[in-house]
């Protein structure tokens, strides 16, 4: 089996255009990761991922804006790739998406067009 990874995709425009503080952006990623782990806690891949806490592998990418993040979420839903689209409240703004842990080769094709997040 290949490496188990978790993909995290954050909106880059929150930092660049909307001028959100870095801490707020990191918090969005934390929210999405925590939520998806809770939702899929009993999943086999999640349990394998959590069994080796010191070697978890996350790939943090950047989506340019809300539309691209929503489009990615719709595509993942169609392909039955489990994830959590974090929507910050009370603003009701989609900010981040996190997949549950998966074997890298099963999901990496959905994320090839995104670049690593740079703060």
PDB file of N, CA and C in Angstrom:
ATOM      1  N   UNK A   1       0.850  -1.182   0.000  1.00  0.00           N
ATOM      2  CA  UNK A   1       0.000   0.000   0.000  1.00  0.00           C
ATOM      3  C   UNK A   1       0.894   1.243   0.000  1.00  0.00           C
ATOM      4  N   UNK A   2       0.473   2.253  -0.707  1.00  0.00           N
ATOM      5  CA  UNK A   2       1.259   3.480  -0.755  1.00  0.00           C
ATOM      6  C   UNK A   2       1.075   4.283   0.531  1.00  0.00           C
ATOM      7  N   UNK A   3       1.779   5.347   0.581  1.00  0.00           N
ATOM      8  CA  UNK A   3       1.717   6.238   1.738  1.00  0.00           C
ATOM      9  C   UNK A   3       0.298   6.783   1.923  1.00  0.00           C
ATOM     10  N   UNK A   4      -0.126   6.870   3.176  1.00  0.00           N
ATOM     11  CA  UNK A   4      -1.426   7.460   3.502  1.00  0.00           C
ATOM     12  C   UNK A   4      -1.197   8.955   3.731  1.00  0.00           C
ATOM     13  N   UNK A   5      -1.969   9.767   3.026  1.00  0.00           N
ATOM     14  CA  UNK A   5      -1.810  11.226   3.120  1.00  0.00           C
ATOM     15  C   UNK A   5      -3.157  11.889   3.340  1.00  0.00           C
ATOM     16  N   UNK A   6      -3.079  13.115   3.794  1.00  0.00           N
ATOM     17  CA  UNK A   6      -4.275  13.948   3.933  1.00  0.00           C
ATOM     18  C   UNK A   6      -4.007  15.229   3.156  1.00  0.00           C
ATOM     19  N   UNK A   7      -4.921  15.556   2.241  1.00  0.00           N
ATOM     20  CA  UNK A   7      -4.810  16.789   1.481  1.00  0.00           C
ATOM     21  C   UNK A   7      -5.612  17.884   2.163  1.00  0.00           C
ATOM     22  N   UNK A   8      -5.017  19.067   2.228  1.00  0.00           N
ATOM     23  CA  UNK A   8      -5.648  20.249   2.806  1.00  0.00           C
ATOM     24  C   UNK A   8      -5.510  21.355   1.767  1.00  0.00           C
ATOM     25  N   UNK A   9      -6.633  21.953   1.385  1.00  0.00           N
ATOM     26  CA  UNK A   9      -6.604  23.008   0.370  1.00  0.00           C
ATOM     27  C   UNK A   9      -7.210  24.270   0.979  1.00  0.00           C
ATOM     28  N   UNK A  10      -6.394  25.317   1.009  1.00  0.00           N
ATOM     29  CA  UNK A  10      -6.772  26.590   1.623  1.00  0.00           C
ATOM     30  C   UNK A  10      -6.926  27.641   0.524  1.00  0.00           C
ATOM     31  N   UNK A  11      -7.868  28.545   0.701  1.00  0.00           N
ATOM     32  CA  UNK A  11      -8.049  29.641  -0.257  1.00  0.00           C
ATOM     33  C   UNK A  11      -6.927  30.663  -0.122  1.00  0.00           C
ATOM     34  N   UNK A  12      -6.179  30.866  -1.193  1.00  0.00           N
ATOM     35  CA  UNK A  12      -5.094  31.836  -1.183  1.00  0.00           C
ATOM     36  C   UNK A  12      -5.559  33.279  -1.143  1.00  0.00           C
ATOM     37  N   UNK A  13      -6.737  33.550  -1.691  1.00  0.00           N
ATOM     38  CA  UNK A  13      -7.216  34.935  -1.713  1.00  0.00           C
ATOM     39  C   UNK A  13      -7.550  35.468  -0.321  1.00  0.00           C
ATOM     40  N   UNK A  14      -7.753  34.572   0.638  1.00  0.00           N
ATOM     41  CA  UNK A  14      -8.027  35.049   1.994  1.00  0.00           C
ATOM     42  C   UNK A  14      -6.837  35.839   2.521  1.00  0.00           C
ATOM     43  N   UNK A  15      -5.649  35.374   2.205  1.00  0.00           N
ATOM     44  CA  UNK A  15      -4.424  36.035   2.653  1.00  0.00           C
ATOM     45  C   UNK A  15      -4.067  37.205   1.731  1.00  0.00           C
ATOM     46  N   UNK A  16      -4.093  36.952   0.432  1.00  0.00           N
ATOM     47  CA  UNK A  16      -3.559  37.917  -0.527  1.00  0.00           C
ATOM     48  C   UNK A  16      -4.503  39.081  -0.817  1.00  0.00           C
ATOM     49  N   UNK A  17      -5.788  38.798  -0.984  1.00  0.00           N
ATOM     50  CA  UNK A  17      -6.744  39.833  -1.370  1.00  0.00           C
ATOM     51  C   UNK A  17      -7.538  40.349  -0.178  1.00  0.00           C
ATOM     52  N   UNK A  18      -7.992  39.414   0.648  1.00  0.00           N
ATOM     53  CA  UNK A  18      -8.860  39.792   1.764  1.00  0.00           C
ATOM     54  C   UNK A  18      -8.072  40.144   3.026  1.00  0.00           C
ATOM     55  N   UNK A  19      -6.746  39.908   2.973  1.00  0.00           N
ATOM     56  CA  UNK A  19      -5.827  40.298   4.048  1.00  0.00           C
ATOM     57  C   UNK A  19      -6.140  39.675   5.400  1.00  0.00           C
ATOM     58  N   UNK A  20      -6.569  38.396   5.392  1.00  0.00           N
ATOM     59  CA  UNK A  20      -6.752  37.683   6.652  1.00  0.00           C
ATOM     60  C   UNK A  20      -5.387  37.460   7.293  1.00  0.00           C
ATOM     61  N   UNK A  21      -5.317  37.499   8.618  1.00  0.00           N
ATOM     62  CA  UNK A  21      -4.044  37.190   9.284  1.00  0.00           C
ATOM     63  C   UNK A  21      -3.661  35.721   9.068  1.00  0.00           C
ATOM     64  N   UNK A  22      -2.352  35.458   9.075  1.00  0.00           N
ATOM     65  CA  UNK A  22      -1.859  34.095   8.869  1.00  0.00           C
ATOM     66  C   UNK A  22      -2.467  33.148   9.904  1.00  0.00           C
ATOM     67  N   UNK A  23      -2.554  33.579  11.152  1.00  0.00           N
ATOM     68  CA  UNK A  23      -3.119  32.733  12.207  1.00  0.00           C
ATOM     69  C   UNK A  23      -4.545  32.312  11.915  1.00  0.00           C
ATOM     70  N   UNK A  24      -5.327  33.210  11.354  1.00  0.00           N
ATOM     71  CA  UNK A  24      -6.718  32.891  11.013  1.00  0.00           C
ATOM     72  C   UNK A  24      -6.765  31.852   9.897  1.00  0.00           C
ATOM     73  N   UNK A  25      -5.841  31.941   8.959  1.00  0.00           N
ATOM     74  CA  UNK A  25      -5.798  30.973   7.858  1.00  0.00           C
ATOM     75  C   UNK A  25      -5.379  29.599   8.379  1.00  0.00           C
ATOM     76  N   UNK A  26      -4.388  29.576   9.238  1.00  0.00           N
ATOM     77  CA  UNK A  26      -3.957  28.310   9.834  1.00  0.00           C
ATOM     78  C   UNK A  26      -5.107  27.700  10.636  1.00  0.00           C
ATOM     79  N   UNK A  27      -5.855  28.524  11.337  1.00  0.00           N
ATOM     80  CA  UNK A  27      -7.006  28.031  12.108  1.00  0.00           C
ATOM     81  C   UNK A  27      -8.036  27.369  11.199  1.00  0.00           C
ATOM     82  N   UNK A  28      -8.247  27.898   9.998  1.00  0.00           N
ATOM     83  CA  UNK A  28      -9.210  27.301   9.068  1.00  0.00           C
ATOM     84  C   UNK A  28      -8.780  25.890   8.687  1.00  0.00           C
ATOM     85  N   UNK A  29      -7.488  25.725   8.417  1.00  0.00           N
ATOM     86  CA  UNK A  29      -6.968  24.400   8.079  1.00  0.00           C
ATOM     87  C   UNK A  29      -7.123  23.452   9.261  1.00  0.00           C
ATOM     88  N   UNK A  30      -6.849  23.956  10.463  1.00  0.00           N
ATOM     89  CA  UNK A  30      -7.007  23.123  11.667  1.00  0.00           C
ATOM     90  C   UNK A  30      -8.456  22.699  11.848  1.00  0.00           C
ATOM     91  N   UNK A  31      -9.382  23.626  11.642  1.00  0.00           N
ATOM     92  CA  UNK A  31     -10.813  23.296  11.759  1.00  0.00           C
ATOM     93  C   UNK A  31     -11.202  22.191  10.789  1.00  0.00           C
ATOM     94  N   UNK A  32     -10.796  22.342   9.523  1.00  0.00           N
ATOM     95  CA  UNK A  32     -11.167  21.364   8.500  1.00  0.00           C
ATOM     96  C   UNK A  32     -10.568  19.998   8.807  1.00  0.00           C
ATOM     97  N   UNK A  33      -9.310  19.969   9.230  1.00  0.00           N
ATOM     98  CA  UNK A  33      -8.657  18.691   9.549  1.00  0.00           C
ATOM     99  C   UNK A  33      -9.298  18.010  10.750  1.00  0.00           C
ATOM    100  N   UNK A  34      -9.581  18.779  11.781  1.00  0.00           N
ATOM    101  CA  UNK A  34     -10.217  18.211  12.973  1.00  0.00           C
ATOM    102  C   UNK A  34     -11.598  17.670  12.638  1.00  0.00           C
ATOM    103  N   UNK A  35     -12.369  18.442  11.874  1.00  0.00           N
ATOM    104  CA  UNK A  35     -13.730  18.027  11.521  1.00  0.00           C
ATOM    105  C   UNK A  35     -13.726  16.741  10.697  1.00  0.00           C
ATOM    106  N   UNK A  36     -12.843  16.645   9.705  1.00  0.00           N
ATOM    107  CA  UNK A  36     -12.835  15.459   8.846  1.00  0.00           C
ATOM    108  C   UNK A  36     -12.369  14.231   9.623  1.00  0.00           C
ATOM    109  N   UNK A  37     -11.452  14.417  10.561  1.00  0.00           N
ATOM    110  CA  UNK A  37     -11.021  13.284  11.392  1.00  0.00           C
ATOM    111  C   UNK A  37     -12.166  12.790  12.275  1.00  0.00           C
ATOM    112  N   UNK A  38     -12.947  13.726  12.778  1.00  0.00           N
ATOM    113  CA  UNK A  38     -14.109  13.345  13.591  1.00  0.00           C
ATOM    114  C   UNK A  38     -15.144  12.603  12.733  1.00  0.00           C
ATOM    115  N   UNK A  39     -15.440  13.154  11.571  1.00  0.00           N
ATOM    116  CA  UNK A  39     -16.461  12.561  10.697  1.00  0.00           C
ATOM    117  C   UNK A  39     -16.094  11.159  10.227  1.00  0.00           C
ATOM    118  N   UNK A  40     -14.808  10.920   9.993  1.00  0.00           N
ATOM    119  CA  UNK A  40     -14.363   9.646   9.417  1.00  0.00           C
ATOM    120  C   UNK A  40     -13.422   8.900  10.358  1.00  0.00           C
ATOM    121  N   UNK A  41     -13.627   9.083  11.640  1.00  0.00           N
ATOM    122  CA  UNK A  41     -12.749   8.496  12.656  1.00  0.00           C
ATOM    123  C   UNK A  41     -12.654   6.973  12.528  1.00  0.00           C
ATOM    124  N   UNK A  42     -13.751   6.310  12.237  1.00  0.00           N
ATOM    125  CA  UNK A  42     -13.767   4.846  12.176  1.00  0.00           C
ATOM    126  C   UNK A  42     -13.329   4.271  10.828  1.00  0.00           C
ATOM    127  N   UNK A  43     -13.010   5.123   9.891  1.00  0.00           N
ATOM    128  CA  UNK A  43     -12.537   4.694   8.577  1.00  0.00           C
ATOM    129  C   UNK A  43     -11.183   3.982   8.718  1.00  0.00           C
ATOM    130  N   UNK A  44     -10.986   2.939   7.947  1.00  0.00           N
ATOM    131  CA  UNK A  44      -9.750   2.159   8.019  1.00  0.00           C
ATOM    132  C   UNK A  44      -8.513   3.012   7.759  1.00  0.00           C
ATOM    133  N   UNK A  45      -8.532   3.830   6.703  1.00  0.00           N
ATOM    134  CA  UNK A  45      -7.368   4.658   6.392  1.00  0.00           C
ATOM    135  C   UNK A  45      -7.111   5.697   7.478  1.00  0.00           C
ATOM    136  N   UNK A  46      -8.169   6.240   8.047  1.00  0.00           N
ATOM    137  CA  UNK A  46      -8.002   7.199   9.142  1.00  0.00           C
ATOM    138  C   UNK A  46      -7.318   6.531  10.318  1.00  0.00           C
ATOM    139  N   UNK A  47      -7.725   5.323  10.639  1.00  0.00           N
ATOM    140  CA  UNK A  47      -7.112   4.610  11.759  1.00  0.00           C
ATOM    141  C   UNK A  47      -5.642   4.274  11.491  1.00  0.00           C
ATOM    142  N   UNK A  48      -5.319   3.909  10.268  1.00  0.00           N
ATOM    143  CA  UNK A  48      -3.917   3.645   9.913  1.00  0.00           C
ATOM    144  C   UNK A  48      -3.103   4.934  10.063  1.00  0.00           C
ATOM    145  N   UNK A  49      -3.653   6.021   9.585  1.00  0.00           N
ATOM    146  CA  UNK A  49      -2.994   7.332   9.645  1.00  0.00           C
ATOM    147  C   UNK A  49      -2.744   7.756  11.091  1.00  0.00           C
ATOM    148  N   UNK A  50      -3.750   7.571  11.931  1.00  0.00           N
ATOM    149  CA  UNK A  50      -3.646   7.985  13.332  1.00  0.00           C
ATOM    150  C   UNK A  50      -2.778   7.045  14.166  1.00  0.00           C
ATOM    151  N   UNK A  51      -2.577   5.844  13.685  1.00  0.00           N
ATOM    152  CA  UNK A  51      -1.776   4.876  14.437  1.00  0.00           C
ATOM    153  C   UNK A  51      -0.292   5.244  14.463  1.00  0.00           C
ATOM    154  N   UNK A  52       0.116   6.146  13.589  1.00  0.00           N
ATOM    155  CA  UNK A  52       1.516   6.538  13.517  1.00  0.00           C
ATOM    156  C   UNK A  52       1.603   8.067  13.577  1.00  0.00           C
ATOM    157  N   UNK A  53       1.216   8.626  14.715  1.00  0.00           N
ATOM    158  CA  UNK A  53       1.092  10.079  14.867  1.00  0.00           C
ATOM    159  C   UNK A  53       2.358  10.856  14.514  1.00  0.00           C
ATOM    160  N   UNK A  54       3.510  10.296  14.811  1.00  0.00           N
ATOM    161  CA  UNK A  54       4.744  11.025  14.561  1.00  0.00           C
ATOM    162  C   UNK A  54       5.143  11.044  13.087  1.00  0.00           C
ATOM    163  N   UNK A  55       4.397  10.364  12.249  1.00  0.00           N
ATOM    164  CA  UNK A  55       4.719  10.317  10.823  1.00  0.00           C
ATOM    165  C   UNK A  55       3.533  10.651   9.926  1.00  0.00           C
ATOM    166  N   UNK A  56       2.596  11.443  10.435  1.00  0.00           N
ATOM    167  CA  UNK A  56       1.469  11.860   9.595  1.00  0.00           C
ATOM    168  C   UNK A  56       1.985  12.718   8.440  1.00  0.00           C
ATOM    169  N   UNK A  57       1.359  12.582   7.280  1.00  0.00           N
ATOM    170  CA  UNK A  57       1.757  13.339   6.096  1.00  0.00           C
ATOM    171  C   UNK A  57       0.559  14.118   5.585  1.00  0.00           C
ATOM    172  N   UNK A  58       0.656  15.434   5.665  1.00  0.00           N
ATOM    173  CA  UNK A  58      -0.358  16.324   5.109  1.00  0.00           C
ATOM    174  C   UNK A  58       0.266  17.086   3.954  1.00  0.00           C
ATOM    175  N   UNK A  59      -0.529  17.319   2.937  1.00  0.00           N
ATOM    176  CA  UNK A  59      -0.096  18.110   1.785  1.00  0.00           C
ATOM    177  C   UNK A  59      -1.020  19.320   1.747  1.00  0.00           C
ATOM    178  N   UNK A  60      -0.448  20.495   2.006  1.00  0.00           N
ATOM    179  CA  UNK A  60      -1.240  21.719   2.125  1.00  0.00           C
ATOM    180  C   UNK A  60      -1.085  22.534   0.850  1.00  0.00           C
ATOM    181  N   UNK A  61      -2.185  22.686   0.149  1.00  0.00           N
ATOM    182  CA  UNK A  61      -2.206  23.327  -1.155  1.00  0.00           C
ATOM    183  C   UNK A  61      -3.043  24.601  -1.120  1.00  0.00           C
ATOM    184  N   UNK A  62      -2.951  25.363  -2.201  1.00  0.00           N
ATOM    185  CA  UNK A  62      -3.680  26.623  -2.301  1.00  0.00           C
ATOM    186  C   UNK A  62      -4.646  26.598  -3.479  1.00  0.00           C
ATOM    187  N   UNK A  63      -5.907  26.926  -3.179  1.00  0.00           N
ATOM    188  CA  UNK A  63      -6.890  27.196  -4.229  1.00  0.00           C
ATOM    189  C   UNK A  63      -6.947  28.714  -4.383  1.00  0.00           C
ATOM    190  N   UNK A  64      -7.073  29.216  -5.592  1.00  0.00           N
ATOM    191  CA  UNK A  64      -7.014  30.664  -5.759  1.00  0.00           C
ATOM    192  C   UNK A  64      -8.163  31.442  -5.119  1.00  0.00           C
ATOM    193  N   UNK A  65      -9.363  30.833  -5.083  1.00  0.00           N
ATOM    194  CA  UNK A  65     -10.512  31.598  -4.611  1.00  0.00           C
ATOM    195  C   UNK A  65     -11.660  30.669  -4.206  1.00  0.00           C
ATOM    196  N   UNK A  66     -12.760  31.282  -3.793  1.00  0.00           N
ATOM    197  CA  UNK A  66     -13.923  30.519  -3.327  1.00  0.00           C
ATOM    198  C   UNK A  66     -14.502  29.623  -4.417  1.00  0.00           C
ATOM    199  N   UNK A  67     -14.579  30.130  -5.624  1.00  0.00           N
ATOM    200  CA  UNK A  67     -15.150  29.350  -6.728  1.00  0.00           C
ATOM    201  C   UNK A  67     -14.347  28.076  -6.968  1.00  0.00           C
ATOM    202  N   UNK A  68     -13.038  28.188  -6.991  1.00  0.00           N
ATOM    203  CA  UNK A  68     -12.211  27.004  -7.249  1.00  0.00           C
ATOM    204  C   UNK A  68     -12.308  26.004  -6.100  1.00  0.00           C
ATOM    205  N   UNK A  69     -12.397  26.498  -4.861  1.00  0.00           N
ATOM    206  CA  UNK A  69     -12.538  25.596  -3.722  1.00  0.00           C
ATOM    207  C   UNK A  69     -13.879  24.860  -3.785  1.00  0.00           C
ATOM    208  N   UNK A  70     -14.943  25.582  -4.100  1.00  0.00           N
ATOM    209  CA  UNK A  70     -16.267  24.959  -4.228  1.00  0.00           C
ATOM    210  C   UNK A  70     -16.302  23.959  -5.388  1.00  0.00           C
ATOM    211  N   UNK A  71     -15.658  24.291  -6.485  1.00  0.00           N
ATOM    212  CA  UNK A  71     -15.611  23.390  -7.639  1.00  0.00           C
ATOM    213  C   UNK A  71     -14.886  22.095  -7.275  1.00  0.00           C
ATOM    214  N   UNK A  72     -13.788  22.221  -6.552  1.00  0.00           N
ATOM    215  CA  UNK A  72     -13.055  21.040  -6.096  1.00  0.00           C
ATOM    216  C   UNK A  72     -13.932  20.181  -5.192  1.00  0.00           C
ATOM    217  N   UNK A  73     -14.643  20.789  -4.280  1.00  0.00           N
ATOM    218  CA  UNK A  73     -15.519  20.046  -3.372  1.00  0.00           C
ATOM    219  C   UNK A  73     -16.593  19.285  -4.146  1.00  0.00           C
ATOM    220  N   UNK A  74     -17.169  19.918  -5.142  1.00  0.00           N
ATOM    221  CA  UNK A  74     -18.199  19.270  -5.972  1.00  0.00           C
ATOM    222  C   UNK A  74     -17.602  18.079  -6.720  1.00  0.00           C
ATOM    223  N   UNK A  75     -16.412  18.259  -7.275  1.00  0.00           N
ATOM    224  CA  UNK A  75     -15.745  17.168  -7.995  1.00  0.00           C
ATOM    225  C   UNK A  75     -15.457  15.997  -7.054  1.00  0.00           C
ATOM    226  N   UNK A  76     -14.953  16.289  -5.863  1.00  0.00           N
ATOM    227  CA  UNK A  76     -14.646  15.228  -4.902  1.00  0.00           C
ATOM    228  C   UNK A  76     -15.916  14.486  -4.483  1.00  0.00           C
ATOM    229  N   UNK A  77     -17.009  15.211  -4.296  1.00  0.00           N
ATOM    230  CA  UNK A  77     -18.286  14.561  -3.951  1.00  0.00           C
ATOM    231  C   UNK A  77     -18.721  13.608  -5.055  1.00  0.00           C
ATOM    232  N   UNK A  78     -18.614  14.057  -6.311  1.00  0.00           N
ATOM    233  CA  UNK A  78     -19.009  13.215  -7.447  1.00  0.00           C
ATOM    234  C   UNK A  78     -18.183  11.935  -7.502  1.00  0.00           C
ATOM    235  N   UNK A  79     -16.921  12.031  -7.107  1.00  0.00           N
ATOM    236  CA  UNK A  79     -16.012  10.883  -7.167  1.00  0.00           C
ATOM    237  C   UNK A  79     -15.982  10.093  -5.853  1.00  0.00           C
ATOM    238  N   UNK A  80     -16.836  10.465  -4.916  1.00  0.00           N
ATOM    239  CA  UNK A  80     -16.941   9.800  -3.611  1.00  0.00           C
ATOM    240  C   UNK A  80     -15.621   9.843  -2.830  1.00  0.00           C
ATOM    241  N   UNK A  81     -14.946  10.988  -2.924  1.00  0.00           N
ATOM    242  CA  UNK A  81     -13.741  11.236  -2.125  1.00  0.00           C
ATOM    243  C   UNK A  81     -14.190  12.014  -0.895  1.00  0.00           C
ATOM    244  N   UNK A  82     -14.111  11.367   0.256  1.00  0.00           N
ATOM    245  CA  UNK A  82     -14.625  11.967   1.486  1.00  0.00           C
ATOM    246  C   UNK A  82     -13.741  13.123   1.942  1.00  0.00           C
ATOM    247  N   UNK A  83     -14.416  14.212   2.280  1.00  0.00           N
ATOM    248  CA  UNK A  83     -13.716  15.424   2.692  1.00  0.00           C
ATOM    249  C   UNK A  83     -14.663  16.306   3.492  1.00  0.00           C
ATOM    250  N   UNK A  84     -14.109  17.362   4.044  1.00  0.00           N
ATOM    251  CA  UNK A  84     -14.909  18.366   4.729  1.00  0.00           C
ATOM    252  C   UNK A  84     -14.566  19.715   4.141  1.00  0.00           C
ATOM    253  N   UNK A  85     -15.578  20.395   3.629  1.00  0.00           N
ATOM    254  CA  UNK A  85     -15.432  21.779   3.191  1.00  0.00           C
ATOM    255  C   UNK A  85     -15.751  22.633   4.405  1.00  0.00           C
ATOM    256  N   UNK A  86     -14.736  23.322   4.939  1.00  0.00           N
ATOM    257  CA  UNK A  86     -14.958  24.132   6.128  1.00  0.00           C
ATOM    258  C   UNK A  86     -15.569  25.465   5.710  1.00  0.00           C
ATOM    259  N   UNK A  87     -16.679  25.802   6.344  1.00  0.00           N
ATOM    260  CA  UNK A  87     -17.361  27.070   6.080  1.00  0.00           C
ATOM    261  C   UNK A  87     -17.349  27.867   7.375  1.00  0.00           C
ATOM    262  N   UNK A  88     -16.576  28.938   7.371  1.00  0.00           N
ATOM    263  CA  UNK A  88     -16.400  29.753   8.574  1.00  0.00           C
ATOM    264  C   UNK A  88     -17.692  30.491   8.906  1.00  0.00           C
ATOM    265  N   UNK A  89     -18.064  30.392  10.172  1.00  0.00           N
ATOM    266  CA  UNK A  89     -19.271  31.037  10.670  1.00  0.00           C
ATOM    267  C   UNK A  89     -18.867  32.135  11.666  1.00  0.00           C
ATOM    268  N   UNK A  90     -19.619  33.196  11.800  1.00  0.00           N
ATOM    269  CA  UNK A  90     -20.940  33.422  11.205  1.00  0.00           C
ATOM    270  C   UNK A  90     -20.892  34.016   9.800  1.00  0.00           C
ATOM    271  N   UNK A  91     -19.686  34.176   9.258  1.00  0.00           N
ATOM    272  CA  UNK A  91     -19.561  34.822   7.943  1.00  0.00           C
ATOM    273  C   UNK A  91     -20.094  33.978   6.796  1.00  0.00           C
ATOM    274  N   UNK A  92     -20.185  32.640   7.004  1.00  0.00           N
ATOM    275  CA  UNK A  92     -20.663  31.708   5.983  1.00  0.00           C
ATOM    276  C   UNK A  92     -19.750  31.714   4.747  1.00  0.00           C
ATOM    277  N   UNK A  93     -18.438  31.705   5.009  1.00  0.00           N
ATOM    278  CA  UNK A  93     -17.435  31.760   3.941  1.00  0.00           C
ATOM    279  C   UNK A  93     -16.697  30.416   3.859  1.00  0.00           C
ATOM    280  N   UNK A  94     -16.763  29.724   2.710  1.00  0.00           N
ATOM    281  CA  UNK A  94     -15.934  28.520   2.532  1.00  0.00           C
ATOM    282  C   UNK A  94     -14.459  28.939   2.523  1.00  0.00           C
ATOM    283  N   UNK A  95     -13.661  28.333   3.395  1.00  0.00           N
ATOM    284  CA  UNK A  95     -12.273  28.765   3.538  1.00  0.00           C
ATOM    285  C   UNK A  95     -11.249  27.678   3.245  1.00  0.00           C
ATOM    286  N   UNK A  96     -11.610  26.424   3.480  1.00  0.00           N
ATOM    287  CA  UNK A  96     -10.628  25.348   3.425  1.00  0.00           C
ATOM    288  C   UNK A  96     -11.345  24.022   3.198  1.00  0.00           C
ATOM    289  N   UNK A  97     -10.614  23.097   2.627  1.00  0.00           N
ATOM    290  CA  UNK A  97     -11.131  21.751   2.391  1.00  0.00           C
ATOM    291  C   UNK A  97     -10.060  20.772   2.851  1.00  0.00           C
ATOM    292  N   UNK A  98     -10.485  19.726   3.532  1.00  0.00           N
ATOM    293  CA  UNK A  98      -9.556  18.684   3.945  1.00  0.00           C
ATOM    294  C   UNK A  98     -10.153  17.324   3.619  1.00  0.00           C
ATOM    295  N   UNK A  99      -9.336  16.474   3.013  1.00  0.00           N
ATOM    296  CA  UNK A  99      -9.784  15.101   2.773  1.00  0.00           C
ATOM    297  C   UNK A  99      -9.544  14.284   4.036  1.00  0.00           C
ATOM    298  N   UNK A 100     -10.238  13.185   4.142  1.00  0.00           N
ATOM    299  CA  UNK A 100      -9.849  12.204   5.143  1.00  0.00           C
ATOM    300  C   UNK A 100      -8.560  11.562   4.618  1.00  0.00           C
ATOM    301  N   UNK A 101      -7.805  10.873   5.447  1.00  0.00           N
ATOM    302  CA  UNK A 101      -6.607  10.208   4.943  1.00  0.00           C
ATOM    303  C   UNK A 101      -6.939   9.152   3.878  1.00  0.00           C
ATOM    304  N   UNK A 102      -6.117   9.128   2.847  1.00  0.00           N
ATOM    305  CA  UNK A 102      -6.250   8.180   1.735  1.00  0.00           C
ATOM    306  C   UNK A 102      -4.866   7.730   1.291  1.00  0.00           C
ATOM    307  N   UNK A 103      -4.788   6.570   0.630  1.00  0.00           N
ATOM    308  CA  UNK A 103      -3.535   6.246  -0.060  1.00  0.00           C
ATOM    309  C   UNK A 103      -3.289   7.320  -1.127  1.00  0.00           C
ATOM    310  N   UNK A 104      -2.083   7.817  -1.175  1.00  0.00           N
ATOM    311  CA  UNK A 104      -1.771   8.942  -2.057  1.00  0.00           C
ATOM    312  C   UNK A 104      -2.180   8.680  -3.502  1.00  0.00           C
ATOM    313  N   UNK A 105      -1.903   7.476  -4.001  1.00  0.00           N
ATOM    314  CA  UNK A 105      -2.189   7.227  -5.425  1.00  0.00           C
ATOM    315  C   UNK A 105      -3.684   7.244  -5.740  1.00  0.00           C
ATOM    316  N   UNK A 106      -4.522   7.077  -4.739  1.00  0.00           N
ATOM    317  CA  UNK A 106      -5.974   7.080  -4.960  1.00  0.00           C
ATOM    318  C   UNK A 106      -6.518   8.496  -5.177  1.00  0.00           C
ATOM    319  N   UNK A 107      -5.870   9.509  -4.590  1.00  0.00           N
ATOM    320  CA  UNK A 107      -6.454  10.848  -4.626  1.00  0.00           C
ATOM    321  C   UNK A 107      -5.575  11.937  -5.230  1.00  0.00           C
ATOM    322  N   UNK A 108      -4.294  11.684  -5.417  1.00  0.00           N
ATOM    323  CA  UNK A 108      -3.417  12.776  -5.824  1.00  0.00           C
ATOM    324  C   UNK A 108      -3.794  13.400  -7.163  1.00  0.00           C
ATOM    325  N   UNK A 109      -4.427  12.671  -8.054  1.00  0.00           N
ATOM    326  CA  UNK A 109      -4.788  13.226  -9.355  1.00  0.00           C
ATOM    327  C   UNK A 109      -5.773  14.396  -9.246  1.00  0.00           C
ATOM    328  N   UNK A 110      -6.586  14.411  -8.199  1.00  0.00           N
ATOM    329  CA  UNK A 110      -7.553  15.498  -8.015  1.00  0.00           C
ATOM    330  C   UNK A 110      -6.888  16.811  -7.602  1.00  0.00           C
ATOM    331  N   UNK A 111      -5.638  16.750  -7.177  1.00  0.00           N
ATOM    332  CA  UNK A 111      -4.977  17.913  -6.593  1.00  0.00           C
ATOM    333  C   UNK A 111      -3.777  18.392  -7.393  1.00  0.00           C
ATOM    334  N   UNK A 112      -3.519  17.772  -8.546  1.00  0.00           N
ATOM    335  CA  UNK A 112      -2.330  18.092  -9.336  1.00  0.00           C
ATOM    336  C   UNK A 112      -2.263  19.552  -9.790  1.00  0.00           C
ATOM    337  N   UNK A 113      -3.396  20.182 -10.010  1.00  0.00           N
ATOM    338  CA  UNK A 113      -3.356  21.548 -10.529  1.00  0.00           C
ATOM    339  C   UNK A 113      -3.128  22.613  -9.450  1.00  0.00           C
ATOM    340  N   UNK A 114      -3.104  22.190  -8.195  1.00  0.00           N
ATOM    341  CA  UNK A 114      -2.894  23.135  -7.103  1.00  0.00           C
ATOM    342  C   UNK A 114      -1.443  23.152  -6.668  1.00  0.00           C
ATOM    343  N   UNK A 115      -0.957  24.316  -6.293  1.00  0.00           N
ATOM    344  CA  UNK A 115       0.421  24.475  -5.825  1.00  0.00           C
ATOM    345  C   UNK A 115       0.446  24.445  -4.299  1.00  0.00           C
ATOM    346  N   UNK A 116       1.619  24.158  -3.750  1.00  0.00           N
ATOM    347  CA  UNK A 116       1.768  24.201  -2.295  1.00  0.00           C
ATOM    348  C   UNK A 116       1.441  25.597  -1.781  1.00  0.00           C
ATOM    349  N   UNK A 117       0.782  25.671  -0.645  1.00  0.00           N
ATOM    350  CA  UNK A 117       0.426  26.950  -0.039  1.00  0.00           C
ATOM    351  C   UNK A 117       1.698  27.658   0.418  1.00  0.00           C
ATOM    352  N   UNK A 118       1.797  28.929   0.072  1.00  0.00           N
ATOM    353  CA  UNK A 118       2.915  29.766   0.529  1.00  0.00           C
ATOM    354  C   UNK A 118       2.321  30.954   1.269  1.00  0.00           C
ATOM    355  N   UNK A 119       2.747  31.111   2.506  1.00  0.00           N
ATOM    356  CA  UNK A 119       2.243  32.235   3.308  1.00  0.00           C
ATOM    357  C   UNK A 119       3.227  33.389   3.281  1.00  0.00           C
TER     358      UNK A 119
END
